[in-house]
Amino acid sequence: MMLLGPFLIALIPGLIILALTWWFSKKGFPLSVRLLPGIITIIAAVVLFYIGFVNIRGFEGAAYGFLGFFLGMFSIVSFVLGSVAR
């Protein structure tokens, strides 16, 4: 449950980010716009990991860290999806 909860919470914004990136690449936006959802997601993932590691600590902090990790994985997929040419 320790890994499943943060994964399920990260699944909803992760799928929204992937759909937004796919839509941007489908419409033919420039590369900087296509990579913007991934950049915002990686910033959010780093902030969540920092909050969990420095401020909260313990098991609750580990849940924030896992959430940041899963959001980071979604942002990497978003970078790959945005970088591929139409």
PDB file of N, CA and C in Angstrom:
ATOM      1  N   MET A   1       0.814  -1.188   0.000  1.00  0.00           N
ATOM      2  CA  MET A   1       0.000   0.000   0.000  1.00  0.00           C
ATOM      3  C   MET A   1       0.862   1.258   0.000  1.00  0.00           C
ATOM      4  N   MET A   2       2.076   1.114   0.488  1.00  0.00           N
ATOM      5  CA  MET A   2       2.968   2.275   0.542  1.00  0.00           C
ATOM      6  C   MET A   2       3.332   2.768  -0.850  1.00  0.00           C
ATOM      7  N   LEU A   3       3.454   1.866  -1.813  1.00  0.00           N
ATOM      8  CA  LEU A   3       3.775   2.272  -3.180  1.00  0.00           C
ATOM      9  C   LEU A   3       2.528   2.468  -4.030  1.00  0.00           C
ATOM     10  N   LEU A   4       1.479   1.729  -3.739  1.00  0.00           N
ATOM     11  CA  LEU A   4       0.285   1.778  -4.567  1.00  0.00           C
ATOM     12  C   LEU A   4      -0.463   3.100  -4.408  1.00  0.00           C
ATOM     13  N   GLY A   5      -0.534   3.631  -3.205  1.00  0.00           N
ATOM     14  CA  GLY A   5      -1.239   4.893  -2.970  1.00  0.00           C
ATOM     15  C   GLY A   5      -0.628   6.059  -3.739  1.00  0.00           C
ATOM     16  N   PRO A   6       0.682   6.319  -3.581  1.00  0.00           N
ATOM     17  CA  PRO A   6       1.278   7.414  -4.345  1.00  0.00           C
ATOM     18  C   PRO A   6       1.227   7.177  -5.859  1.00  0.00           C
ATOM     19  N   PHE A   7       1.317   5.919  -6.290  1.00  0.00           N
ATOM     20  CA  PHE A   7       1.226   5.656  -7.726  1.00  0.00           C
ATOM     21  C   PHE A   7      -0.166   6.000  -8.258  1.00  0.00           C
ATOM     22  N   LEU A   8      -1.200   5.612  -7.520  1.00  0.00           N
ATOM     23  CA  LEU A   8      -2.557   5.911  -7.966  1.00  0.00           C
ATOM     24  C   LEU A   8      -2.846   7.407  -7.922  1.00  0.00           C
ATOM     25  N   ILE A   9      -2.283   8.099  -6.944  1.00  0.00           N
ATOM     26  CA  ILE A   9      -2.455   9.547  -6.887  1.00  0.00           C
ATOM     27  C   ILE A   9      -1.705  10.219  -8.033  1.00  0.00           C
ATOM     28  N   ALA A  10      -0.538   9.709  -8.397  1.00  0.00           N
ATOM     29  CA  ALA A  10       0.239  10.283  -9.497  1.00  0.00           C
ATOM     30  C   ALA A  10      -0.317   9.884 -10.858  1.00  0.00           C
ATOM     31  N   LEU A  11      -1.150   8.867 -10.906  1.00  0.00           N
ATOM     32  CA  LEU A  11      -1.679   8.388 -12.178  1.00  0.00           C
ATOM     33  C   LEU A  11      -2.588   9.416 -12.850  1.00  0.00           C
ATOM     34  N   ILE A  12      -3.426  10.087 -12.083  1.00  0.00           N
ATOM     35  CA  ILE A  12      -4.373  11.041 -12.661  1.00  0.00           C
ATOM     36  C   ILE A  12      -3.657  12.254 -13.270  1.00  0.00           C
ATOM     37  N   PRO A  13      -2.803  12.982 -12.521  1.00  0.00           N
ATOM     38  CA  PRO A  13      -2.108  14.098 -13.183  1.00  0.00           C
ATOM     39  C   PRO A  13      -1.121  13.621 -14.249  1.00  0.00           C
ATOM     40  N   GLY A  14      -0.561  12.423 -14.061  1.00  0.00           N
ATOM     41  CA  GLY A  14       0.362  11.900 -15.066  1.00  0.00           C
ATOM     42  C   GLY A  14      -0.319  11.638 -16.393  1.00  0.00           C
ATOM     43  N   LEU A  15      -1.511  11.064 -16.347  1.00  0.00           N
ATOM     44  CA  LEU A  15      -2.255  10.825 -17.584  1.00  0.00           C
ATOM     45  C   LEU A  15      -2.712  12.130 -18.223  1.00  0.00           C
ATOM     46  N   ILE A  16      -3.051  13.116 -17.397  1.00  0.00           N
ATOM     47  CA  ILE A  16      -3.421  14.425 -17.943  1.00  0.00           C
ATOM     48  C   ILE A  16      -2.218  15.074 -18.627  1.00  0.00           C
ATOM     49  N   ILE A  17      -1.051  14.964 -18.010  1.00  0.00           N
ATOM     50  CA  ILE A  17       0.170  15.529 -18.598  1.00  0.00           C
ATOM     51  C   ILE A  17       0.506  14.832 -19.912  1.00  0.00           C
ATOM     52  N   LEU A  18       0.386  13.507 -19.941  1.00  0.00           N
ATOM     53  CA  LEU A  18       0.671  12.778 -21.175  1.00  0.00           C
ATOM     54  C   LEU A  18      -0.326  13.122 -22.270  1.00  0.00           C
ATOM     55  N   ALA A  19      -1.593  13.250 -21.926  1.00  0.00           N
ATOM     56  CA  ALA A  19      -2.601  13.613 -22.921  1.00  0.00           C
ATOM     57  C   ALA A  19      -2.364  15.025 -23.441  1.00  0.00           C
ATOM     58  N   LEU A  20      -1.988  15.939 -22.561  1.00  0.00           N
ATOM     59  CA  LEU A  20      -1.710  17.309 -22.977  1.00  0.00           C
ATOM     60  C   LEU A  20      -0.488  17.373 -23.891  1.00  0.00           C
ATOM     61  N   THR A  21       0.544  16.624 -23.559  1.00  0.00           N
ATOM     62  CA  THR A  21       1.733  16.582 -24.406  1.00  0.00           C
ATOM     63  C   THR A  21       1.417  15.974 -25.766  1.00  0.00           C
ATOM     64  N   TRP A  22       0.642  14.913 -25.770  1.00  0.00           N
ATOM     65  CA  TRP A  22       0.251  14.285 -27.039  1.00  0.00           C
ATOM     66  C   TRP A  22      -0.574  15.247 -27.875  1.00  0.00           C
ATOM     67  N   TRP A  23      -1.485  15.988 -27.244  1.00  0.00           N
ATOM     68  CA  TRP A  23      -2.312  16.937 -27.972  1.00  0.00           C
ATOM     69  C   TRP A  23      -1.469  18.073 -28.551  1.00  0.00           C
ATOM     70  N   PHE A  24      -0.489  18.571 -27.768  1.00  0.00           N
ATOM     71  CA  PHE A  24       0.401  19.614 -28.270  1.00  0.00           C
ATOM     72  C   PHE A  24       1.200  19.130 -29.474  1.00  0.00           C
ATOM     73  N   SER A  25       1.683  17.889 -29.428  1.00  0.00           N
ATOM     74  CA  SER A  25       2.459  17.376 -30.556  1.00  0.00           C
ATOM     75  C   SER A  25       1.557  17.095 -31.754  1.00  0.00           C
ATOM     76  N   LYS A  26       0.313  16.726 -31.510  1.00  0.00           N
ATOM     77  CA  LYS A  26      -0.629  16.466 -32.597  1.00  0.00           C
ATOM     78  C   LYS A  26      -1.003  17.757 -33.326  1.00  0.00           C
ATOM     79  N   LYS A  27      -1.096  18.862 -32.587  1.00  0.00           N
ATOM     80  CA  LYS A  27      -1.449  20.157 -33.175  1.00  0.00           C
ATOM     81  C   LYS A  27      -0.271  20.847 -33.845  1.00  0.00           C
ATOM     82  N   GLY A  28       0.936  20.339 -33.638  1.00  0.00           N
ATOM     83  CA  GLY A  28       2.106  20.902 -34.301  1.00  0.00           C
ATOM     84  C   GLY A  28       2.700  22.112 -33.601  1.00  0.00           C
ATOM     85  N   PHE A  29       2.567  22.212 -32.297  1.00  0.00           N
ATOM     86  CA  PHE A  29       3.168  23.312 -31.559  1.00  0.00           C
ATOM     87  C   PHE A  29       4.689  23.181 -31.575  1.00  0.00           C
ATOM     88  N   PRO A  30       5.404  24.289 -31.319  1.00  0.00           N
ATOM     89  CA  PRO A  30       6.871  24.209 -31.272  1.00  0.00           C
ATOM     90  C   PRO A  30       7.356  23.297 -30.139  1.00  0.00           C
ATOM     91  N   LEU A  31       8.629  22.930 -30.216  1.00  0.00           N
ATOM     92  CA  LEU A  31       9.210  21.993 -29.249  1.00  0.00           C
ATOM     93  C   LEU A  31       9.139  22.525 -27.824  1.00  0.00           C
ATOM     94  N   SER A  32       9.345  23.828 -27.646  1.00  0.00           N
ATOM     95  CA  SER A  32       9.317  24.384 -26.289  1.00  0.00           C
ATOM     96  C   SER A  32       7.932  24.249 -25.654  1.00  0.00           C
ATOM     97  N   VAL A  33       6.880  24.385 -26.439  1.00  0.00           N
ATOM     98  CA  VAL A  33       5.524  24.243 -25.915  1.00  0.00           C
ATOM     99  C   VAL A  33       5.216  22.777 -25.648  1.00  0.00           C
ATOM    100  N   ARG A  34       5.698  21.888 -26.500  1.00  0.00           N
ATOM    101  CA  ARG A  34       5.456  20.458 -26.296  1.00  0.00           C
ATOM    102  C   ARG A  34       6.155  19.929 -25.060  1.00  0.00           C
ATOM    103  N   LEU A  35       7.295  20.514 -24.697  1.00  0.00           N
ATOM    104  CA  LEU A  35       8.036  20.064 -23.523  1.00  0.00           C
ATOM    105  C   LEU A  35       7.593  20.749 -22.233  1.00  0.00           C
ATOM    106  N   LEU A  36       6.759  21.781 -22.333  1.00  0.00           N
ATOM    107  CA  LEU A  36       6.333  22.536 -21.162  1.00  0.00           C
ATOM    108  C   LEU A  36       5.602  21.694 -20.111  1.00  0.00           C
ATOM    109  N   PRO A  37       4.662  20.788 -20.471  1.00  0.00           N
ATOM    110  CA  PRO A  37       4.041  19.965 -19.422  1.00  0.00           C
ATOM    111  C   PRO A  37       5.037  19.081 -18.676  1.00  0.00           C
ATOM    112  N   GLY A  38       6.031  18.549 -19.378  1.00  0.00           N
ATOM    113  CA  GLY A  38       7.056  17.735 -18.727  1.00  0.00           C
ATOM    114  C   GLY A  38       7.938  18.553 -17.800  1.00  0.00           C
ATOM    115  N   ILE A  39       8.248  19.779 -18.196  1.00  0.00           N
ATOM    116  CA  ILE A  39       9.073  20.648 -17.357  1.00  0.00           C
ATOM    117  C   ILE A  39       8.331  21.012 -16.076  1.00  0.00           C
ATOM    118  N   ILE A  40       7.056  21.356 -16.205  1.00  0.00           N
ATOM    119  CA  ILE A  40       6.262  21.706 -15.030  1.00  0.00           C
ATOM    120  C   ILE A  40       6.119  20.492 -14.109  1.00  0.00           C
ATOM    121  N   THR A  41       5.952  19.311 -14.700  1.00  0.00           N
ATOM    122  CA  THR A  41       5.807  18.105 -13.892  1.00  0.00           C
ATOM    123  C   THR A  41       7.098  17.757 -13.160  1.00  0.00           C
ATOM    124  N   ILE A  42       8.235  17.914 -13.799  1.00  0.00           N
ATOM    125  CA  ILE A  42       9.497  17.591 -13.127  1.00  0.00           C
ATOM    126  C   ILE A  42       9.776  18.592 -12.001  1.00  0.00           C
ATOM    127  N   ILE A  43       9.372  19.847 -12.185  1.00  0.00           N
ATOM    128  CA  ILE A  43       9.520  20.830 -11.107  1.00  0.00           C
ATOM    129  C   ILE A  43       8.632  20.448  -9.927  1.00  0.00           C
ATOM    130  N   ALA A  44       7.397  20.051 -10.210  1.00  0.00           N
ATOM    131  CA  ALA A  44       6.489  19.626  -9.139  1.00  0.00           C
ATOM    132  C   ALA A  44       7.023  18.383  -8.434  1.00  0.00           C
ATOM    133  N   ALA A  45       7.617  17.457  -9.186  1.00  0.00           N
ATOM    134  CA  ALA A  45       8.160  16.238  -8.593  1.00  0.00           C
ATOM    135  C   ALA A  45       9.339  16.549  -7.673  1.00  0.00           C
ATOM    136  N   VAL A  46      10.198  17.456  -8.083  1.00  0.00           N
ATOM    137  CA  VAL A  46      11.346  17.825  -7.252  1.00  0.00           C
ATOM    138  C   VAL A  46      10.872  18.531  -5.978  1.00  0.00           C
ATOM    139  N   VAL A  47       9.882  19.406  -6.104  1.00  0.00           N
ATOM    140  CA  VAL A  47       9.361  20.104  -4.926  1.00  0.00           C
ATOM    141  C   VAL A  47       8.720  19.115  -3.955  1.00  0.00           C
ATOM    142  N   LEU A  48       7.923  18.172  -4.464  1.00  0.00           N
ATOM    143  CA  LEU A  48       7.303  17.175  -3.594  1.00  0.00           C
ATOM    144  C   LEU A  48       8.344  16.297  -2.912  1.00  0.00           C
ATOM    145  N   PHE A  49       9.380  15.900  -3.659  1.00  0.00           N
ATOM    146  CA  PHE A  49      10.433  15.087  -3.064  1.00  0.00           C
ATOM    147  C   PHE A  49      11.167  15.869  -1.977  1.00  0.00           C
ATOM    148  N   TYR A  50      11.433  17.139  -2.232  1.00  0.00           N
ATOM    149  CA  TYR A  50      12.117  17.979  -1.243  1.00  0.00           C
ATOM    150  C   TYR A  50      11.268  18.147   0.014  1.00  0.00           C
ATOM    151  N   ILE A  51       9.986  18.419  -0.163  1.00  0.00           N
ATOM    152  CA  ILE A  51       9.101  18.578   0.988  1.00  0.00           C
ATOM    153  C   ILE A  51       9.057  17.288   1.810  1.00  0.00           C
ATOM    154  N   GLY A  52       8.959  16.156   1.139  1.00  0.00           N
ATOM    155  CA  GLY A  52       8.903  14.891   1.851  1.00  0.00           C
ATOM    156  C   GLY A  52      10.197  14.535   2.542  1.00  0.00           C
ATOM    157  N   PHE A  53      11.323  14.896   1.939  1.00  0.00           N
ATOM    158  CA  PHE A  53      12.613  14.511   2.496  1.00  0.00           C
ATOM    159  C   PHE A  53      13.077  15.450   3.603  1.00  0.00           C
ATOM    160  N   VAL A  54      12.857  16.747   3.436  1.00  0.00           N
ATOM    161  CA  VAL A  54      13.398  17.729   4.378  1.00  0.00           C
ATOM    162  C   VAL A  54      12.383  18.109   5.451  1.00  0.00           C
ATOM    163  N   ASN A  55      11.155  18.432   5.044  1.00  0.00           N
ATOM    164  CA  ASN A  55      10.191  18.968   6.005  1.00  0.00           C
ATOM    165  C   ASN A  55       9.441  17.891   6.766  1.00  0.00           C
ATOM    166  N   ILE A  56       8.940  16.873   6.087  1.00  0.00           N
ATOM    167  CA  ILE A  56       8.041  15.925   6.733  1.00  0.00           C
ATOM    168  C   ILE A  56       8.794  14.759   7.361  1.00  0.00           C
ATOM    169  N   ARG A  57       9.669  14.126   6.619  1.00  0.00           N
ATOM    170  CA  ARG A  57      10.449  12.972   7.067  1.00  0.00           C
ATOM    171  C   ARG A  57       9.557  11.806   7.484  1.00  0.00           C
ATOM    172  N   GLY A  58      10.132  10.667   7.723  1.00  0.00           N
ATOM    173  CA  GLY A  58       9.388   9.493   8.178  1.00  0.00           C
ATOM    174  C   GLY A  58       8.593   8.843   7.052  1.00  0.00           C
ATOM    175  N   PHE A  59       7.597   8.071   7.447  1.00  0.00           N
ATOM    176  CA  PHE A  59       6.797   7.338   6.464  1.00  0.00           C
ATOM    177  C   PHE A  59       5.954   8.275   5.609  1.00  0.00           C
ATOM    178  N   GLU A  60       5.439   9.340   6.202  1.00  0.00           N
ATOM    179  CA  GLU A  60       4.678  10.290   5.416  1.00  0.00           C
ATOM    180  C   GLU A  60       5.563  10.977   4.385  1.00  0.00           C
ATOM    181  N   GLY A  61       6.772  11.274   4.765  1.00  0.00           N
ATOM    182  CA  GLY A  61       7.726  11.871   3.835  1.00  0.00           C
ATOM    183  C   GLY A  61       8.104  10.912   2.721  1.00  0.00           C
ATOM    184  N   ALA A  62       8.172   9.628   3.056  1.00  0.00           N
ATOM    185  CA  ALA A  62       8.472   8.627   2.022  1.00  0.00           C
ATOM    186  C   ALA A  62       7.343   8.561   1.003  1.00  0.00           C
ATOM    187  N   ALA A  63       6.101   8.733   1.457  1.00  0.00           N
ATOM    188  CA  ALA A  63       4.977   8.750   0.517  1.00  0.00           C
ATOM    189  C   ALA A  63       5.094   9.937  -0.426  1.00  0.00           C
ATOM    190  N   TYR A  64       5.493  11.103   0.083  1.00  0.00           N
ATOM    191  CA  TYR A  64       5.735  12.250  -0.784  1.00  0.00           C
ATOM    192  C   TYR A  64       6.876  11.969  -1.754  1.00  0.00           C
ATOM    193  N   GLY A  65       7.914  11.306  -1.273  1.00  0.00           N
ATOM    194  CA  GLY A  65       9.037  10.956  -2.147  1.00  0.00           C
ATOM    195  C   GLY A  65       8.626  10.010  -3.254  1.00  0.00           C
ATOM    196  N   PHE A  66       7.819   9.005  -2.928  1.00  0.00           N
ATOM    197  CA  PHE A  66       7.334   8.094  -3.959  1.00  0.00           C
ATOM    198  C   PHE A  66       6.435   8.808  -4.960  1.00  0.00           C
ATOM    199  N   LEU A  67       5.605   9.725  -4.477  1.00  0.00           N
ATOM    200  CA  LEU A  67       4.750  10.506  -5.360  1.00  0.00           C
ATOM    201  C   LEU A  67       5.598  11.342  -6.310  1.00  0.00           C
ATOM    202  N   GLY A  68       6.642  11.968  -5.782  1.00  0.00           N
ATOM    203  CA  GLY A  68       7.558  12.726  -6.626  1.00  0.00           C
ATOM    204  C   GLY A  68       8.276  11.833  -7.630  1.00  0.00           C
ATOM    205  N   PHE A  69       8.640  10.630  -7.213  1.00  0.00           N
ATOM    206  CA  PHE A  69       9.310   9.689  -8.116  1.00  0.00           C
ATOM    207  C   PHE A  69       8.390   9.297  -9.272  1.00  0.00           C
ATOM    208  N   PHE A  70       7.144   8.953  -8.964  1.00  0.00           N
ATOM    209  CA  PHE A  70       6.220   8.545 -10.019  1.00  0.00           C
ATOM    210  C   PHE A  70       5.877   9.705 -10.949  1.00  0.00           C
ATOM    211  N   LEU A  71       5.744  10.911 -10.407  1.00  0.00           N
ATOM    212  CA  LEU A  71       5.524  12.066 -11.271  1.00  0.00           C
ATOM    213  C   LEU A  71       6.748  12.324 -12.152  1.00  0.00           C
ATOM    214  N   GLY A  72       7.930  12.072 -11.615  1.00  0.00           N
ATOM    215  CA  GLY A  72       9.147  12.194 -12.427  1.00  0.00           C
ATOM    216  C   GLY A  72       9.173  11.201 -13.567  1.00  0.00           C
ATOM    217  N   MET A  73       8.699   9.994 -13.316  1.00  0.00           N
ATOM    218  CA  MET A  73       8.624   8.994 -14.390  1.00  0.00           C
ATOM    219  C   MET A  73       7.636   9.431 -15.482  1.00  0.00           C
ATOM    220  N   PHE A  74       6.506   9.991 -15.068  1.00  0.00           N
ATOM    221  CA  PHE A  74       5.554  10.500 -16.054  1.00  0.00           C
ATOM    222  C   PHE A  74       6.141  11.666 -16.842  1.00  0.00           C
ATOM    223  N   SER A  75       6.949  12.493 -16.199  1.00  0.00           N
ATOM    224  CA  SER A  75       7.549  13.619 -16.919  1.00  0.00           C
ATOM    225  C   SER A  75       8.597  13.140 -17.924  1.00  0.00           C
ATOM    226  N   ILE A  76       9.317  12.085 -17.603  1.00  0.00           N
ATOM    227  CA  ILE A  76      10.285  11.533 -18.563  1.00  0.00           C
ATOM    228  C   ILE A  76       9.567  10.987 -19.782  1.00  0.00           C
ATOM    229  N   VAL A  77       8.461  10.284 -19.556  1.00  0.00           N
ATOM    230  CA  VAL A  77       7.661   9.793 -20.689  1.00  0.00           C
ATOM    231  C   VAL A  77       7.109  10.966 -21.487  1.00  0.00           C
ATOM    232  N   SER A  78       6.729  12.050 -20.800  1.00  0.00           N
ATOM    233  CA  SER A  78       6.225  13.235 -21.481  1.00  0.00           C
ATOM    234  C   SER A  78       7.323  13.889 -22.324  1.00  0.00           C
ATOM    235  N   PHE A  79       8.560  13.922 -21.817  1.00  0.00           N
ATOM    236  CA  PHE A  79       9.669  14.456 -22.599  1.00  0.00           C
ATOM    237  C   PHE A  79       9.889  13.635 -23.870  1.00  0.00           C
ATOM    238  N   VAL A  80       9.835  12.322 -23.737  1.00  0.00           N
ATOM    239  CA  VAL A  80      10.032  11.452 -24.911  1.00  0.00           C
ATOM    240  C   VAL A  80       8.893  11.656 -25.901  1.00  0.00           C
ATOM    241  N   LEU A  81       7.668  11.703 -25.399  1.00  0.00           N
ATOM    242  CA  LEU A  81       6.512  11.890 -26.264  1.00  0.00           C
ATOM    243  C   LEU A  81       6.530  13.241 -26.945  1.00  0.00           C
ATOM    244  N   GLY A  82       6.985  14.279 -26.255  1.00  0.00           N
ATOM    245  CA  GLY A  82       7.049  15.616 -26.841  1.00  0.00           C
ATOM    246  C   GLY A  82       8.199  15.791 -27.798  1.00  0.00           C
ATOM    247  N   SER A  83       9.273  15.040 -27.625  1.00  0.00           N
ATOM    248  CA  SER A  83      10.442  15.179 -28.485  1.00  0.00           C
ATOM    249  C   SER A  83      10.298  14.473 -29.823  1.00  0.00           C
ATOM    250  N   VAL A  84       9.480  13.455 -29.864  1.00  0.00           N
ATOM    251  CA  VAL A  84       9.295  12.693 -31.098  1.00  0.00           C
ATOM    252  C   VAL A  84       8.540  13.550 -32.087  1.00  0.00           C
ATOM    253  N   ALA A  85       9.039  13.588 -33.303  1.00  0.00           N
ATOM    254  CA  ALA A  85       8.406  14.403 -34.348  1.00  0.00           C
ATOM    255  C   ALA A  85       7.069  13.779 -34.747  1.00  0.00           C
ATOM    256  N   ARG A  86       6.182  14.634 -35.241  1.00  0.00           N
ATOM    257  CA  ARG A  86       4.868  14.138 -35.666  1.00  0.00           C
ATOM    258  C   ARG A  86       5.008  13.150 -36.726  1.00  0.00           C
TER     259      ARG A  86
END
